[in-house]
Structures are given as C-alpha cells and as structure tokens.
Amino acid sequence: MSNYMYQHTRIPSFLPMPRFLISMHVSNTAKLLYSLMLGRAQLSQSNAWVDGNGRVYFVYTIQQMAEDMEKSATTIKDAMKELVAAHLLEKVPQGRGRPNRLYILFPEEKVCRKSDVGNSTEVGWKTGSNPVGNLSPNKYINNKTNNSLRDYDYEEEESF
C-alpha cells in the first residue's frame, strides 16, 4: 500500500536525474543508466577516486549494471554506446580482464539552455528530404528473362 507525502515525510533514496537529460536525444534506458552512473560517480567523488588529472572516475561492470536495471547485457551495451555518442560518458580501458574506468561527462552550457530547445512552429507534416538519411534501396531484382514464353497458344474451344 502506498503512503501519502506529508510535510515531514522522509523522502526515500533516489537517483540524480539532471534536467538537461530530459531533452537529450537518447533512449529512456540510456537516461536511466546515466542516472545510475551519476549516482555511482558521486560515491566515487566522496571516496576521492580521481585519476592523475583530478577527474573523478568510477568502475561499474556491465553485469552489475544489467543486474541493477534488470536489463540484458546487450541492452546495457547499446545504452552505453548512446551515451558515448552523445558525449555523456567516456570509457577508458584498464587492460585485459579489468573493468573500464568510466567518466561521467556533462554537456556544454549552450546544450543545457532551455531556449535552444523548444517546439517547432511548423504545422502539419514536414515535406522535403528525409532528415534521417538515404533510404535503403528496394531489393527488387529485375529478371531479364524472356517474357515471350508467357504467350499462351490456345484454341477457341480450349480453356486455360
């Protein structure tokens, strides 16, 4: 059964979810994974896990992430690729058999501003070129067979 929140209710533990993450073009799995990683990075920050450049790093294995999020390892790897592509995560290999060092990255200030993000003023369907890229070609193979073989000879009384 759920309980209401009152003025003196203690809030249960929660994940940090930065506002800029809401407007980022990554999957919800990647957003949740980023929040988990940010919590892990905060723990590393409090334990002074810093590299030679003073940057906070953390170690979080794919198996542990998959277990914590109740997702498959493949889903976690895909979400991590999204975060790396969005410049929100950096992975530094530590050698064979050792987990990667992970670094949480924050977008530049201009990416975080709400004025850059907004609804389009256009109404209706957008026409023009496809913004996603070129479409894959049709796999139709033109048979260069002689279609004259399809000429059927039959008499008036014969049926097909």
C-alpha atoms as a PDB file:
ATOM      1  CA  MET A   1       0.000   0.000   0.000  1.00  0.00           C
ATOM      2  CA  SER A   2       1.259   3.487  -0.818  1.00  0.00           C
ATOM      3  CA  ASN A   3       1.549   6.314   1.662  1.00  0.00           C
ATOM      4  CA  TYR A   4       0.892   9.987   1.094  1.00  0.00           C
ATOM      5  CA  MET A   5       3.645  12.545   1.407  1.00  0.00           C
ATOM      6  CA  TYR A   6       3.286  14.886   4.367  1.00  0.00           C
ATOM      7  CA  GLN A   7       5.266  17.929   5.401  1.00  0.00           C
ATOM      8  CA  HIS A   8       7.739  15.921   7.496  1.00  0.00           C
ATOM      9  CA  THR A   9       7.867  12.771   5.375  1.00  0.00           C
ATOM     10  CA  ARG A  10      11.367  11.485   4.717  1.00  0.00           C
ATOM     11  CA  ILE A  11      11.964  11.053   1.013  1.00  0.00           C
ATOM     12  CA  PRO A  12      13.324   7.610   0.090  1.00  0.00           C
ATOM     13  CA  SER A  13      16.682   7.357  -1.631  1.00  0.00           C
ATOM     14  CA  PHE A  14      16.580   8.467  -5.246  1.00  0.00           C
ATOM     15  CA  LEU A  15      18.701   8.727  -8.355  1.00  0.00           C
ATOM     16  CA  PRO A  16      20.042  12.083  -9.512  1.00  0.00           C
ATOM     17  CA  MET A  17      18.386  13.000 -12.818  1.00  0.00           C
ATOM     18  CA  PRO A  18      19.789  16.179 -14.398  1.00  0.00           C
ATOM     19  CA  ARG A  19      17.258  18.346 -16.239  1.00  0.00           C
ATOM     20  CA  PHE A  20      19.375  18.501 -19.400  1.00  0.00           C
ATOM     21  CA  LEU A  21      18.961  14.756 -19.754  1.00  0.00           C
ATOM     22  CA  ILE A  22      15.235  15.099 -20.422  1.00  0.00           C
ATOM     23  CA  SER A  23      15.802  16.999 -23.674  1.00  0.00           C
ATOM     24  CA  MET A  24      18.705  14.816 -24.863  1.00  0.00           C
ATOM     25  CA  HIS A  25      18.032  12.580 -27.848  1.00  0.00           C
ATOM     26  CA  VAL A  26      18.893   9.260 -26.234  1.00  0.00           C
ATOM     27  CA  SER A  27      16.682   6.354 -25.225  1.00  0.00           C
ATOM     28  CA  ASN A  28      14.992   6.179 -21.841  1.00  0.00           C
ATOM     29  CA  THR A  29      17.219   3.232 -20.969  1.00  0.00           C
ATOM     30  CA  ALA A  30      20.280   5.401 -21.634  1.00  0.00           C
ATOM     31  CA  LYS A  31      18.820   8.188 -19.472  1.00  0.00           C
ATOM     32  CA  LEU A  32      18.179   5.829 -16.583  1.00  0.00           C
ATOM     33  CA  LEU A  33      21.627   4.300 -16.968  1.00  0.00           C
ATOM     34  CA  TYR A  34      23.174   7.791 -16.911  1.00  0.00           C
ATOM     35  CA  SER A  35      21.337   8.491 -13.652  1.00  0.00           C
ATOM     36  CA  LEU A  36      22.636   5.258 -12.131  1.00  0.00           C
ATOM     37  CA  MET A  37      26.154   6.115 -13.263  1.00  0.00           C
ATOM     38  CA  LEU A  38      25.895   9.644 -11.902  1.00  0.00           C
ATOM     39  CA  GLY A  39      24.975   8.220  -8.509  1.00  0.00           C
ATOM     40  CA  ARG A  40      27.963   5.889  -8.722  1.00  0.00           C
ATOM     41  CA  ALA A  41      30.207   8.813  -9.748  1.00  0.00           C
ATOM     42  CA  GLN A  42      29.028  10.834  -6.742  1.00  0.00           C
ATOM     43  CA  LEU A  43      30.045   7.953  -4.496  1.00  0.00           C
ATOM     44  CA  SER A  44      33.460   7.869  -6.177  1.00  0.00           C
ATOM     45  CA  GLN A  45      33.718  11.634  -5.716  1.00  0.00           C
ATOM     46  CA  SER A  46      33.105  11.315  -1.976  1.00  0.00           C
ATOM     47  CA  ASN A  47      35.691   8.497  -1.796  1.00  0.00           C
ATOM     48  CA  ALA A  48      38.260  10.587  -3.736  1.00  0.00           C
ATOM     49  CA  TRP A  49      38.549   8.236  -6.709  1.00  0.00           C
ATOM     50  CA  VAL A  50      40.397  10.601  -9.022  1.00  0.00           C
ATOM     51  CA  ASP A  51      42.884   9.980 -11.798  1.00  0.00           C
ATOM     52  CA  GLY A  52      46.170  11.797 -12.408  1.00  0.00           C
ATOM     53  CA  ASN A  53      44.300  14.735 -13.970  1.00  0.00           C
ATOM     54  CA  GLY A  54      41.977  15.189 -10.992  1.00  0.00           C
ATOM     55  CA  ARG A  55      38.956  13.793 -12.854  1.00  0.00           C
ATOM     56  CA  VAL A  56      36.522  11.607 -10.898  1.00  0.00           C
ATOM     57  CA  TYR A  57      36.162   8.104 -12.293  1.00  0.00           C
ATOM     58  CA  PHE A  58      34.154   5.090 -11.266  1.00  0.00           C
ATOM     59  CA  VAL A  59      34.057   1.390 -12.016  1.00  0.00           C
ATOM     60  CA  TYR A  60      30.735  -0.232 -12.862  1.00  0.00           C
ATOM     61  CA  THR A  61      30.702  -3.557 -14.668  1.00  0.00           C
ATOM     62  CA  ILE A  62      28.201  -4.290 -17.403  1.00  0.00           C
ATOM     63  CA  GLN A  63      26.979  -7.325 -15.478  1.00  0.00           C
ATOM     64  CA  GLN A  64      26.289  -5.178 -12.407  1.00  0.00           C
ATOM     65  CA  MET A  65      24.523  -2.515 -14.492  1.00  0.00           C
ATOM     66  CA  ALA A  66      22.366  -5.187 -16.139  1.00  0.00           C
ATOM     67  CA  GLU A  67      21.505  -6.630 -12.746  1.00  0.00           C
ATOM     68  CA  ASP A  68      20.696  -3.221 -11.227  1.00  0.00           C
ATOM     69  CA  MET A  69      18.484  -2.194 -14.156  1.00  0.00           C
ATOM     70  CA  GLU A  70      17.017  -5.663 -14.751  1.00  0.00           C
ATOM     71  CA  LYS A  71      18.061  -5.493 -18.405  1.00  0.00           C
ATOM     72  CA  SER A  72      20.214  -7.686 -20.607  1.00  0.00           C
ATOM     73  CA  ALA A  73      23.913  -7.024 -21.084  1.00  0.00           C
ATOM     74  CA  THR A  74      23.244  -6.247 -24.761  1.00  0.00           C
ATOM     75  CA  THR A  75      20.704  -3.566 -23.820  1.00  0.00           C
ATOM     76  CA  ILE A  76      23.210  -2.026 -21.403  1.00  0.00           C
ATOM     77  CA  LYS A  77      25.951  -2.023 -24.050  1.00  0.00           C
ATOM     78  CA  ASP A  78      23.604  -0.323 -26.532  1.00  0.00           C
ATOM     79  CA  ALA A  79      22.668   2.327 -23.957  1.00  0.00           C
ATOM     80  CA  MET A  80      26.354   2.913 -23.176  1.00  0.00           C
ATOM     81  CA  LYS A  81      27.073   3.382 -26.898  1.00  0.00           C
ATOM     82  CA  GLU A  82      24.317   6.008 -26.991  1.00  0.00           C
ATOM     83  CA  LEU A  83      25.829   7.837 -24.020  1.00  0.00           C
ATOM     84  CA  VAL A  84      29.311   7.755 -25.545  1.00  0.00           C
ATOM     85  CA  ALA A  85      27.927   9.050 -28.869  1.00  0.00           C
ATOM     86  CA  ALA A  86      26.076  11.848 -27.023  1.00  0.00           C
ATOM     87  CA  HIS A  87      29.344  12.805 -25.235  1.00  0.00           C
ATOM     88  CA  LEU A  88      27.880  11.997 -21.818  1.00  0.00           C
ATOM     89  CA  LEU A  89      30.208   9.108 -20.996  1.00  0.00           C
ATOM     90  CA  GLU A  90      33.849   8.247 -21.583  1.00  0.00           C
ATOM     91  CA  LYS A  91      35.228   4.722 -21.229  1.00  0.00           C
ATOM     92  CA  VAL A  92      38.940   4.156 -20.618  1.00  0.00           C
ATOM     93  CA  PRO A  93      40.133   0.537 -20.836  1.00  0.00           C
ATOM     94  CA  GLN A  94      42.347  -0.677 -17.997  1.00  0.00           C
ATOM     95  CA  GLY A  95      43.707  -3.798 -19.608  1.00  0.00           C
ATOM     96  CA  ARG A  96      42.634  -7.329 -20.221  1.00  0.00           C
ATOM     97  CA  GLY A  97      40.335  -8.751 -17.570  1.00  0.00           C
ATOM     98  CA  ARG A  98      39.919  -5.444 -15.768  1.00  0.00           C
ATOM     99  CA  PRO A  99      36.780  -3.285 -15.991  1.00  0.00           C
ATOM    100  CA  ASN A 100      36.897   0.056 -17.780  1.00  0.00           C
ATOM    101  CA  ARG A 101      37.255   3.310 -15.932  1.00  0.00           C
ATOM    102  CA  LEU A 102      34.131   5.325 -16.602  1.00  0.00           C
ATOM    103  CA  TYR A 103      33.908   9.110 -16.594  1.00  0.00           C
ATOM    104  CA  ILE A 104      30.611  10.989 -16.440  1.00  0.00           C
ATOM    105  CA  LEU A 105      30.558  13.964 -18.793  1.00  0.00           C
ATOM    106  CA  PHE A 106      28.265  16.985 -18.719  1.00  0.00           C
ATOM    107  CA  PRO A 107      27.166  18.816 -21.867  1.00  0.00           C
ATOM    108  CA  GLU A 108      28.329  22.337 -22.520  1.00  0.00           C
ATOM    109  CA  GLU A 109      26.241  25.206 -21.177  1.00  0.00           C
ATOM    110  CA  LYS A 110      24.621  26.031 -24.518  1.00  0.00           C
ATOM    111  CA  VAL A 111      23.220  22.491 -24.800  1.00  0.00           C
ATOM    112  CA  CYS A 112      21.582  22.828 -21.399  1.00  0.00           C
ATOM    113  CA  ARG A 113      19.762  26.101 -22.090  1.00  0.00           C
ATOM    114  CA  LYS A 114      16.035  25.744 -22.487  1.00  0.00           C
ATOM    115  CA  SER A 115      15.874  28.494 -25.122  1.00  0.00           C
ATOM    116  CA  ASP A 116      17.721  26.266 -27.595  1.00  0.00           C
ATOM    117  CA  VAL A 117      15.162  23.533 -27.104  1.00  0.00           C
ATOM    118  CA  GLY A 118      11.552  24.074 -27.990  1.00  0.00           C
ATOM    119  CA  ASN A 119       8.622  23.069 -30.045  1.00  0.00           C
ATOM    120  CA  SER A 120       8.658  23.586 -33.748  1.00  0.00           C
ATOM    121  CA  THR A 121       6.384  26.321 -35.030  1.00  0.00           C
ATOM    122  CA  GLU A 122       5.583  24.372 -38.159  1.00  0.00           C
ATOM    123  CA  VAL A 123       2.136  22.881 -38.510  1.00  0.00           C
ATOM    124  CA  GLY A 124       1.365  19.619 -40.268  1.00  0.00           C
ATOM    125  CA  TRP A 125       3.665  17.210 -41.988  1.00  0.00           C
ATOM    126  CA  LYS A 126       7.066  18.415 -42.979  1.00  0.00           C
ATOM    127  CA  THR A 127       7.746  17.862 -46.634  1.00  0.00           C
ATOM    128  CA  GLY A 128      11.063  17.667 -48.335  1.00  0.00           C
ATOM    129  CA  SER A 129      14.060  15.448 -47.982  1.00  0.00           C
ATOM    130  CA  ASN A 130      14.268  12.761 -45.369  1.00  0.00           C
ATOM    131  CA  PRO A 131      16.262  14.133 -42.386  1.00  0.00           C
ATOM    132  CA  VAL A 132      17.275  10.642 -41.275  1.00  0.00           C
ATOM    133  CA  GLY A 133      19.352   9.919 -44.341  1.00  0.00           C
ATOM    134  CA  ASN A 134      19.112   7.959 -47.516  1.00  0.00           C
ATOM    135  CA  LEU A 135      16.566   5.215 -47.568  1.00  0.00           C
ATOM    136  CA  SER A 136      17.738   1.722 -48.291  1.00  0.00           C
ATOM    137  CA  PRO A 137      17.233   0.701 -51.899  1.00  0.00           C
ATOM    138  CA  ASN A 138      14.497  -1.628 -52.950  1.00  0.00           C
ATOM    139  CA  LYS A 139      15.788  -5.170 -53.217  1.00  0.00           C
ATOM    140  CA  TYR A 140      13.796  -5.824 -56.391  1.00  0.00           C
ATOM    141  CA  ILE A 141      15.770  -7.839 -58.876  1.00  0.00           C
ATOM    142  CA  ASN A 142      14.772  -7.284 -62.453  1.00  0.00           C
ATOM    143  CA  ASN A 143      14.569 -10.657 -64.111  1.00  0.00           C
ATOM    144  CA  LYS A 144      15.846 -10.371 -67.622  1.00  0.00           C
ATOM    145  CA  THR A 145      14.021 -13.454 -68.686  1.00  0.00           C
ATOM    146  CA  ASN A 146      12.243 -13.650 -71.943  1.00  0.00           C
ATOM    147  CA  ASN A 147       8.627 -12.843 -71.211  1.00  0.00           C
ATOM    148  CA  SER A 148       7.665 -14.148 -74.627  1.00  0.00           C
ATOM    149  CA  LEU A 149       7.493 -17.577 -73.007  1.00  0.00           C
ATOM    150  CA  ARG A 150       4.317 -16.422 -71.364  1.00  0.00           C
ATOM    151  CA  ASP A 151       2.453 -16.213 -74.648  1.00  0.00           C
ATOM    152  CA  TYR A 152      -0.087 -18.963 -74.353  1.00  0.00           C
ATOM    153  CA  ASP A 153      -1.399 -20.568 -77.510  1.00  0.00           C
ATOM    154  CA  TYR A 154      -4.885 -21.955 -77.216  1.00  0.00           C
ATOM    155  CA  GLU A 155      -7.798 -22.629 -79.465  1.00  0.00           C
ATOM    156  CA  GLU A 156     -11.214 -21.092 -79.140  1.00  0.00           C
ATOM    157  CA  GLU A 157     -12.741 -24.150 -77.544  1.00  0.00           C
ATOM    158  CA  GLU A 158      -9.907 -24.828 -75.142  1.00  0.00           C
ATOM    159  CA  SER A 159      -9.849 -23.397 -71.700  1.00  0.00           C
ATOM    160  CA  PHE A 160      -6.890 -22.487 -69.694  1.00  0.00           C
END
